[in-house]
Amino acid sequence: PWTTADGRPCYLSAQGPDSRLSRMADEVETE
């Protein structure tokens, strides 16, 4: 739910939704 400094999309390569970064993304989405 955020972009790079130059506005490009960011992606997460993770096997599951329980990684620390995935949980942080969930929190940002909720906010």
Full PDB file with SEQRES, HELIX, SHEET, SSBOND, CRYST1, ORIGX, SCALE, CONECT and MASTER records, all heavy atoms in Angstrom:
SEQRES   1 A   31  PRO TRP THR THR ALA ASP GLY ARG PRO CYS TYR LEU SER          
SEQRES   2 A   31  ALA GLN GLY PRO ASP SER ARG LEU SER ARG MET ALA ASP          
SEQRES   3 A   31  GLU VAL GLU THR GLU                                          
HELIX    1 AA1 ARG A   20  THR A   30  1                                  11    
CRYST1    1.000    1.000    1.000  90.00  90.00  90.00 P 1           1          
ORIGX1      1.000000  0.000000  0.000000        0.00000                         
ORIGX2      0.000000  1.000000  0.000000        0.00000                         
ORIGX3      0.000000  0.000000  1.000000        0.00000                         
SCALE1      1.000000  0.000000  0.000000        0.00000                         
SCALE2      0.000000  1.000000  0.000000        0.00000                         
SCALE3      0.000000  0.000000  1.000000        0.00000                         
ATOM      1  N   PRO A   1       0.808  -1.237   0.000  1.00  0.00           N  
ATOM      2  CA  PRO A   1       0.000   0.000   0.000  1.00  0.00           C  
ATOM      3  C   PRO A   1       0.833   1.275   0.000  1.00  0.00           C  
ATOM      4  O   PRO A   1       0.375   2.314   0.465  1.00  0.00           O  
ATOM      5  CB  PRO A   1      -0.829  -0.139   1.282  1.00  0.00           C  
ATOM      6  CG  PRO A   1       0.022  -0.935   2.194  1.00  0.00           C  
ATOM      7  CD  PRO A   1       0.763  -1.906   1.297  1.00  0.00           C  
ATOM      8  N   TRP A   2       2.055   1.219  -0.498  1.00  0.00           N  
ATOM      9  CA  TRP A   2       2.886   2.411  -0.627  1.00  0.00           C  
ATOM     10  C   TRP A   2       3.701   2.276  -1.912  1.00  0.00           C  
ATOM     11  O   TRP A   2       3.731   1.231  -2.532  1.00  0.00           O  
ATOM     12  CB  TRP A   2       3.795   2.608   0.581  1.00  0.00           C  
ATOM     13  CG  TRP A   2       4.616   1.409   0.939  1.00  0.00           C  
ATOM     14  CD1 TRP A   2       5.778   0.992   0.338  1.00  0.00           C  
ATOM     15  CD2 TRP A   2       4.352   0.457   1.969  1.00  0.00           C  
ATOM     16  NE1 TRP A   2       6.243  -0.148   0.926  1.00  0.00           N  
ATOM     17  CE2 TRP A   2       5.391  -0.507   1.939  1.00  0.00           C  
ATOM     18  CE3 TRP A   2       3.349   0.322   2.925  1.00  0.00           C  
ATOM     19  CZ2 TRP A   2       5.457  -1.578   2.814  1.00  0.00           C  
ATOM     20  CZ3 TRP A   2       3.413  -0.758   3.793  1.00  0.00           C  
ATOM     21  CH2 TRP A   2       4.450  -1.689   3.735  1.00  0.00           C  
ATOM     22  N   THR A   3       4.326   3.383  -2.298  1.00  0.00           N  
ATOM     23  CA  THR A   3       5.124   3.405  -3.520  1.00  0.00           C  
ATOM     24  C   THR A   3       6.563   3.792  -3.192  1.00  0.00           C  
ATOM     25  O   THR A   3       6.859   4.209  -2.071  1.00  0.00           O  
ATOM     26  CB  THR A   3       4.564   4.428  -4.536  1.00  0.00           C  
ATOM     27  OG1 THR A   3       4.575   5.718  -3.942  1.00  0.00           O  
ATOM     28  CG2 THR A   3       3.144   4.062  -4.968  1.00  0.00           C  
ATOM     29  N   THR A   4       7.426   3.670  -4.189  1.00  0.00           N  
ATOM     30  CA  THR A   4       8.804   4.114  -4.038  1.00  0.00           C  
ATOM     31  C   THR A   4       8.833   5.640  -4.036  1.00  0.00           C  
ATOM     32  O   THR A   4       7.821   6.284  -4.314  1.00  0.00           O  
ATOM     33  CB  THR A   4       9.678   3.591  -5.192  1.00  0.00           C  
ATOM     34  OG1 THR A   4       9.199   4.158  -6.420  1.00  0.00           O  
ATOM     35  CG2 THR A   4       9.662   2.075  -5.265  1.00  0.00           C  
ATOM     36  N   ALA A   5       9.989   6.211  -3.774  1.00  0.00           N  
ATOM     37  CA  ALA A   5      10.130   7.671  -3.750  1.00  0.00           C  
ATOM     38  C   ALA A   5       9.765   8.294  -5.091  1.00  0.00           C  
ATOM     39  O   ALA A   5       9.277   9.426  -5.141  1.00  0.00           O  
ATOM     40  CB  ALA A   5      11.559   8.054  -3.361  1.00  0.00           C  
ATOM     41  N   ASP A   6       9.955   7.560  -6.182  1.00  0.00           N  
ATOM     42  CA  ASP A   6       9.617   8.101  -7.501  1.00  0.00           C  
ATOM     43  C   ASP A   6       8.238   7.652  -7.987  1.00  0.00           C  
ATOM     44  O   ASP A   6       7.904   7.793  -9.154  1.00  0.00           O  
ATOM     45  CB  ASP A   6      10.699   7.776  -8.531  1.00  0.00           C  
ATOM     46  CG  ASP A   6      10.914   6.289  -8.734  1.00  0.00           C  
ATOM     47  OD1 ASP A   6      10.351   5.477  -7.959  1.00  0.00           O  
ATOM     48  OD2 ASP A   6      11.645   5.924  -9.673  1.00  0.00           O  
ATOM     49  N   GLY A   7       7.426   7.108  -7.067  1.00  0.00           N  
ATOM     50  CA  GLY A   7       6.028   6.805  -7.385  1.00  0.00           C  
ATOM     51  C   GLY A   7       5.759   5.446  -7.999  1.00  0.00           C  
ATOM     52  O   GLY A   7       4.636   5.160  -8.397  1.00  0.00           O  
ATOM     53  N   ARG A   8       6.764   4.589  -8.073  1.00  0.00           N  
ATOM     54  CA  ARG A   8       6.546   3.251  -8.636  1.00  0.00           C  
ATOM     55  C   ARG A   8       5.974   2.310  -7.577  1.00  0.00           C  
ATOM     56  O   ARG A   8       6.233   2.478  -6.386  1.00  0.00           O  
ATOM     57  CB  ARG A   8       7.851   2.692  -9.187  1.00  0.00           C  
ATOM     58  CG  ARG A   8       8.361   3.502 -10.372  1.00  0.00           C  
ATOM     59  CD  ARG A   8       9.576   2.910 -10.987  1.00  0.00           C  
ATOM     60  NE  ARG A   8      10.476   2.403  -9.954  1.00  0.00           N  
ATOM     61  CZ  ARG A   8      11.686   1.946 -10.183  1.00  0.00           C  
ATOM     62  NH1 ARG A   8      12.165   1.934 -11.395  1.00  0.00           N  
ATOM     63  NH2 ARG A   8      12.435   1.491  -9.199  1.00  0.00           N  
ATOM     64  N   PRO A   9       5.197   1.297  -8.003  1.00  0.00           N  
ATOM     65  CA  PRO A   9       4.610   0.373  -7.029  1.00  0.00           C  
ATOM     66  C   PRO A   9       5.678  -0.473  -6.337  1.00  0.00           C  
ATOM     67  O   PRO A   9       6.731  -0.739  -6.908  1.00  0.00           O  
ATOM     68  CB  PRO A   9       3.681  -0.505  -7.873  1.00  0.00           C  
ATOM     69  CG  PRO A   9       4.075  -0.294  -9.282  1.00  0.00           C  
ATOM     70  CD  PRO A   9       4.808   0.999  -9.370  1.00  0.00           C  
ATOM     71  N   CYS A  10       5.384  -0.869  -5.119  1.00  0.00           N  
ATOM     72  CA  CYS A  10       6.250  -1.761  -4.341  1.00  0.00           C  
ATOM     73  C   CYS A  10       5.550  -3.108  -4.205  1.00  0.00           C  
ATOM     74  O   CYS A  10       4.334  -3.161  -4.009  1.00  0.00           O  
ATOM     75  CB  CYS A  10       6.499  -1.194  -2.945  1.00  0.00           C  
ATOM     76  SG  CYS A  10       7.507   0.270  -2.912  1.00  0.00           S  
ATOM     77  N   TYR A  11       6.327  -4.158  -4.278  1.00  0.00           N  
ATOM     78  CA  TYR A  11       5.791  -5.511  -4.163  1.00  0.00           C  
ATOM     79  C   TYR A  11       6.552  -6.269  -3.085  1.00  0.00           C  
ATOM     80  O   TYR A  11       7.718  -5.998  -2.826  1.00  0.00           O  
ATOM     81  CB  TYR A  11       5.916  -6.264  -5.482  1.00  0.00           C  
ATOM     82  CG  TYR A  11       5.074  -5.684  -6.586  1.00  0.00           C  
ATOM     83  CD1 TYR A  11       5.582  -4.717  -7.438  1.00  0.00           C  
ATOM     84  CD2 TYR A  11       3.766  -6.102  -6.765  1.00  0.00           C  
ATOM     85  CE1 TYR A  11       4.807  -4.170  -8.451  1.00  0.00           C  
ATOM     86  CE2 TYR A  11       2.982  -5.565  -7.776  1.00  0.00           C  
ATOM     87  CZ  TYR A  11       3.511  -4.599  -8.614  1.00  0.00           C  
ATOM     88  OH  TYR A  11       2.734  -4.060  -9.613  1.00  0.00           O  
ATOM     89  N   LEU A  12       5.882  -7.238  -2.489  1.00  0.00           N  
ATOM     90  CA  LEU A  12       6.473  -8.084  -1.462  1.00  0.00           C  
ATOM     91  C   LEU A  12       6.470  -9.518  -1.953  1.00  0.00           C  
ATOM     92  O   LEU A  12       5.425 -10.040  -2.366  1.00  0.00           O  
ATOM     93  CB  LEU A  12       5.679  -7.982  -0.156  1.00  0.00           C  
ATOM     94  CG  LEU A  12       6.073  -8.933   0.973  1.00  0.00           C  
ATOM     95  CD1 LEU A  12       7.503  -8.659   1.427  1.00  0.00           C  
ATOM     96  CD2 LEU A  12       5.108  -8.792   2.131  1.00  0.00           C  
ATOM     97  N   SER A  13       7.639 -10.143  -1.912  1.00  0.00           N  
ATOM     98  CA  SER A  13       7.746 -11.555  -2.247  1.00  0.00           C  
ATOM     99  C   SER A  13       7.774 -12.321  -0.933  1.00  0.00           C  
ATOM    100  O   SER A  13       8.771 -12.313  -0.221  1.00  0.00           O  
ATOM    101  CB  SER A  13       9.031 -11.824  -3.036  1.00  0.00           C  
ATOM    102  OG  SER A  13       9.173 -13.202  -3.273  1.00  0.00           O  
ATOM    103  N   ALA A  14       6.671 -12.929  -0.588  1.00  0.00           N  
ATOM    104  CA  ALA A  14       6.569 -13.676   0.669  1.00  0.00           C  
ATOM    105  C   ALA A  14       5.674 -14.883   0.454  1.00  0.00           C  
ATOM    106  O   ALA A  14       4.708 -14.827  -0.303  1.00  0.00           O  
ATOM    107  CB  ALA A  14       6.003 -12.794   1.773  1.00  0.00           C  
ATOM    108  N   GLN A  15       5.989 -15.941   1.136  1.00  0.00           N  
ATOM    109  CA  GLN A  15       5.213 -17.163   0.991  1.00  0.00           C  
ATOM    110  C   GLN A  15       3.925 -17.159   1.807  1.00  0.00           C  
ATOM    111  O   GLN A  15       3.059 -17.977   1.582  1.00  0.00           O  
ATOM    112  CB  GLN A  15       6.072 -18.372   1.396  1.00  0.00           C  
ATOM    113  CG  GLN A  15       7.273 -18.570   0.494  1.00  0.00           C  
ATOM    114  CD  GLN A  15       6.871 -18.877  -0.939  1.00  0.00           C  
ATOM    115  OE1 GLN A  15       5.893 -19.565  -1.172  1.00  0.00           O  
ATOM    116  NE2 GLN A  15       7.617 -18.357  -1.888  1.00  0.00           N  
ATOM    117  N   GLY A  16       3.795 -16.261   2.743  1.00  0.00           N  
ATOM    118  CA  GLY A  16       2.594 -16.255   3.571  1.00  0.00           C  
ATOM    119  C   GLY A  16       2.285 -14.882   4.116  1.00  0.00           C  
ATOM    120  O   GLY A  16       3.111 -13.974   4.068  1.00  0.00           O  
ATOM    121  N   PRO A  17       1.093 -14.728   4.678  1.00  0.00           N  
ATOM    122  CA  PRO A  17       0.650 -13.427   5.180  1.00  0.00           C  
ATOM    123  C   PRO A  17       1.170 -13.089   6.575  1.00  0.00           C  
ATOM    124  O   PRO A  17       0.819 -12.059   7.124  1.00  0.00           O  
ATOM    125  CB  PRO A  17      -0.869 -13.566   5.188  1.00  0.00           C  
ATOM    126  CG  PRO A  17      -1.091 -15.020   5.441  1.00  0.00           C  
ATOM    127  CD  PRO A  17       0.034 -15.726   4.755  1.00  0.00           C  
ATOM    128  N   ASP A  18       2.009 -13.953   7.159  1.00  0.00           N  
ATOM    129  CA  ASP A  18       2.421 -13.747   8.539  1.00  0.00           C  
ATOM    130  C   ASP A  18       3.803 -13.128   8.691  1.00  0.00           C  
ATOM    131  O   ASP A  18       4.310 -13.031   9.803  1.00  0.00           O  
ATOM    132  CB  ASP A  18       2.358 -15.070   9.305  1.00  0.00           C  
ATOM    133  CG  ASP A  18       0.934 -15.580   9.437  1.00  0.00           C  
ATOM    134  OD1 ASP A  18       0.021 -14.743   9.575  1.00  0.00           O  
ATOM    135  OD2 ASP A  18       0.739 -16.800   9.386  1.00  0.00           O  
ATOM    136  N   SER A  19       4.417 -12.696   7.594  1.00  0.00           N  
ATOM    137  CA  SER A  19       5.723 -12.058   7.724  1.00  0.00           C  
ATOM    138  C   SER A  19       5.554 -10.681   8.373  1.00  0.00           C  
ATOM    139  O   SER A  19       4.472 -10.087   8.347  1.00  0.00           O  
ATOM    140  CB  SER A  19       6.393 -11.915   6.357  1.00  0.00           C  
ATOM    141  OG  SER A  19       5.754 -10.914   5.595  1.00  0.00           O  
ATOM    142  N   ARG A  20       6.614 -10.187   8.930  1.00  0.00           N  
ATOM    143  CA  ARG A  20       6.572  -8.883   9.609  1.00  0.00           C  
ATOM    144  C   ARG A  20       6.156  -7.770   8.645  1.00  0.00           C  
ATOM    145  O   ARG A  20       5.324  -6.932   8.977  1.00  0.00           O  
ATOM    146  CB  ARG A  20       7.946  -8.598  10.200  1.00  0.00           C  
ATOM    147  CG  ARG A  20       8.034  -7.369  11.014  1.00  0.00           C  
ATOM    148  CD  ARG A  20       9.412  -7.270  11.616  1.00  0.00           C  
ATOM    149  NE  ARG A  20       9.468  -6.144  12.522  1.00  0.00           N  
ATOM    150  CZ  ARG A  20      10.522  -5.834  13.228  1.00  0.00           C  
ATOM    151  NH1 ARG A  20      11.603  -6.563  13.152  1.00  0.00           N  
ATOM    152  NH2 ARG A  20      10.497  -4.798  14.030  1.00  0.00           N  
ATOM    153  N   LEU A  21       6.722  -7.770   7.438  1.00  0.00           N  
ATOM    154  CA  LEU A  21       6.389  -6.734   6.461  1.00  0.00           C  
ATOM    155  C   LEU A  21       4.949  -6.872   5.975  1.00  0.00           C  
ATOM    156  O   LEU A  21       4.258  -5.879   5.771  1.00  0.00           O  
ATOM    157  CB  LEU A  21       7.359  -6.796   5.280  1.00  0.00           C  
ATOM    158  CG  LEU A  21       7.293  -5.648   4.290  1.00  0.00           C  
ATOM    159  CD1 LEU A  21       7.444  -4.296   4.987  1.00  0.00           C  
ATOM    160  CD2 LEU A  21       8.356  -5.808   3.223  1.00  0.00           C  
ATOM    161  N   SER A  22       4.483  -8.094   5.834  1.00  0.00           N  
ATOM    162  CA  SER A  22       3.099  -8.317   5.416  1.00  0.00           C  
ATOM    163  C   SER A  22       2.123  -7.809   6.473  1.00  0.00           C  
ATOM    164  O   SER A  22       1.114  -7.175   6.149  1.00  0.00           O  
ATOM    165  CB  SER A  22       2.872  -9.802   5.144  1.00  0.00           C  
ATOM    166  OG  SER A  22       1.595 -10.019   4.602  1.00  0.00           O  
ATOM    167  N   ARG A  23       2.430  -8.054   7.727  1.00  0.00           N  
ATOM    168  CA  ARG A  23       1.569  -7.552   8.811  1.00  0.00           C  
ATOM    169  C   ARG A  23       1.591  -6.027   8.861  1.00  0.00           C  
ATOM    170  O   ARG A  23       0.566  -5.395   9.076  1.00  0.00           O  
ATOM    171  CB  ARG A  23       1.991  -8.152  10.153  1.00  0.00           C  
ATOM    172  CG  ARG A  23       1.622  -9.622  10.311  1.00  0.00           C  
ATOM    173  CD  ARG A  23       1.800 -10.126  11.743  1.00  0.00           C  
ATOM    174  NE  ARG A  23       3.068  -9.788  12.331  1.00  0.00           N  
ATOM    175  CZ  ARG A  23       4.187 -10.518  12.269  1.00  0.00           C  
ATOM    176  NH1 ARG A  23       4.167 -11.664  11.605  1.00  0.00           N  
ATOM    177  NH2 ARG A  23       5.294 -10.114  12.852  1.00  0.00           N  
ATOM    178  N   MET A  24       2.766  -5.425   8.619  1.00  0.00           N  
ATOM    179  CA  MET A  24       2.841  -3.969   8.598  1.00  0.00           C  
ATOM    180  C   MET A  24       2.010  -3.417   7.435  1.00  0.00           C  
ATOM    181  O   MET A  24       1.296  -2.422   7.596  1.00  0.00           O  
ATOM    182  CB  MET A  24       4.291  -3.504   8.461  1.00  0.00           C  
ATOM    183  CG  MET A  24       4.413  -1.992   8.505  1.00  0.00           C  
ATOM    184  SD  MET A  24       6.089  -1.352   8.616  1.00  0.00           S  
ATOM    185  CE  MET A  24       6.780  -1.868   7.077  1.00  0.00           C  
ATOM    186  N   ALA A  25       2.055  -4.082   6.281  1.00  0.00           N  
ATOM    187  CA  ALA A  25       1.241  -3.651   5.140  1.00  0.00           C  
ATOM    188  C   ALA A  25      -0.241  -3.757   5.475  1.00  0.00           C  
ATOM    189  O   ALA A  25      -1.026  -2.874   5.108  1.00  0.00           O  
ATOM    190  CB  ALA A  25       1.581  -4.483   3.904  1.00  0.00           C  
ATOM    191  N   ASP A  26      -0.630  -4.818   6.175  1.00  0.00           N  
ATOM    192  CA  ASP A  26      -2.029  -4.963   6.599  1.00  0.00           C  
ATOM    193  C   ASP A  26      -2.445  -3.788   7.486  1.00  0.00           C  
ATOM    194  O   ASP A  26      -3.553  -3.249   7.352  1.00  0.00           O  
ATOM    195  CB  ASP A  26      -2.240  -6.272   7.373  1.00  0.00           C  
ATOM    196  CG  ASP A  26      -2.145  -7.509   6.509  1.00  0.00           C  
ATOM    197  OD1 ASP A  26      -2.260  -7.398   5.267  1.00  0.00           O  
ATOM    198  OD2 ASP A  26      -1.948  -8.607   7.079  1.00  0.00           O  
ATOM    199  N   GLU A  27      -1.565  -3.396   8.418  1.00  0.00           N  
ATOM    200  CA  GLU A  27      -1.861  -2.274   9.310  1.00  0.00           C  
ATOM    201  C   GLU A  27      -1.990  -0.969   8.534  1.00  0.00           C  
ATOM    202  O   GLU A  27      -2.902  -0.171   8.799  1.00  0.00           O  
ATOM    203  CB  GLU A  27      -0.772  -2.158  10.378  1.00  0.00           C  
ATOM    204  CG  GLU A  27      -0.775  -3.289  11.383  1.00  0.00           C  
ATOM    205  CD  GLU A  27       0.425  -3.270  12.308  1.00  0.00           C  
ATOM    206  OE1 GLU A  27       1.187  -2.266  12.304  1.00  0.00           O  
ATOM    207  OE2 GLU A  27       0.623  -4.253  13.041  1.00  0.00           O  
ATOM    208  N   VAL A  28      -1.095  -0.754   7.576  1.00  0.00           N  
ATOM    209  CA  VAL A  28      -1.158   0.467   6.766  1.00  0.00           C  
ATOM    210  C   VAL A  28      -2.451   0.478   5.957  1.00  0.00           C  
ATOM    211  O   VAL A  28      -3.127   1.513   5.855  1.00  0.00           O  
ATOM    212  CB  VAL A  28       0.081   0.596   5.855  1.00  0.00           C  
ATOM    213  CG1 VAL A  28      -0.092   1.716   4.835  1.00  0.00           C  
ATOM    214  CG2 VAL A  28       1.331   0.833   6.697  1.00  0.00           C  
ATOM    215  N   GLU A  29      -2.823  -0.667   5.375  1.00  0.00           N  
ATOM    216  CA  GLU A  29      -4.086  -0.746   4.627  1.00  0.00           C  
ATOM    217  C   GLU A  29      -5.267  -0.385   5.513  1.00  0.00           C  
ATOM    218  O   GLU A  29      -6.163   0.363   5.102  1.00  0.00           O  
ATOM    219  CB  GLU A  29      -4.282  -2.140   4.037  1.00  0.00           C  
ATOM    220  CG  GLU A  29      -3.405  -2.430   2.848  1.00  0.00           C  
ATOM    221  CD  GLU A  29      -3.630  -3.812   2.278  1.00  0.00           C  
ATOM    222  OE1 GLU A  29      -4.376  -4.620   2.879  1.00  0.00           O  
ATOM    223  OE2 GLU A  29      -3.064  -4.095   1.208  1.00  0.00           O  
ATOM    224  N   THR A  30      -5.291  -0.904   6.729  1.00  0.00           N  
ATOM    225  CA  THR A  30      -6.378  -0.605   7.662  1.00  0.00           C  
ATOM    226  C   THR A  30      -6.439   0.888   7.963  1.00  0.00           C  
ATOM    227  O   THR A  30      -7.522   1.492   7.974  1.00  0.00           O  
ATOM    228  CB  THR A  30      -6.193  -1.418   8.963  1.00  0.00           C  
ATOM    229  OG1 THR A  30      -6.246  -2.810   8.642  1.00  0.00           O  
ATOM    230  CG2 THR A  30      -7.273  -1.093   9.980  1.00  0.00           C  
ATOM    231  N   GLU A  31      -5.279   1.511   8.180  1.00  0.00           N  
ATOM    232  CA  GLU A  31      -5.235   2.951   8.436  1.00  0.00           C  
ATOM    233  C   GLU A  31      -5.708   3.743   7.220  1.00  0.00           C  
ATOM    234  O   GLU A  31      -6.451   4.727   7.362  1.00  0.00           O  
ATOM    235  CB  GLU A  31      -3.822   3.377   8.817  1.00  0.00           C  
ATOM    236  CG  GLU A  31      -3.392   2.868  10.182  1.00  0.00           C  
ATOM    237  CD  GLU A  31      -1.927   3.143  10.476  1.00  0.00           C  
ATOM    238  OE1 GLU A  31      -1.278   3.893   9.718  1.00  0.00           O  
ATOM    239  OE2 GLU A  31      -1.428   2.600  11.474  1.00  0.00           O  
TER     240      GLU A  31                                                      
MASTER        0    0    0    1    0    0    0    6  239    1    0    3          
END                                                                             
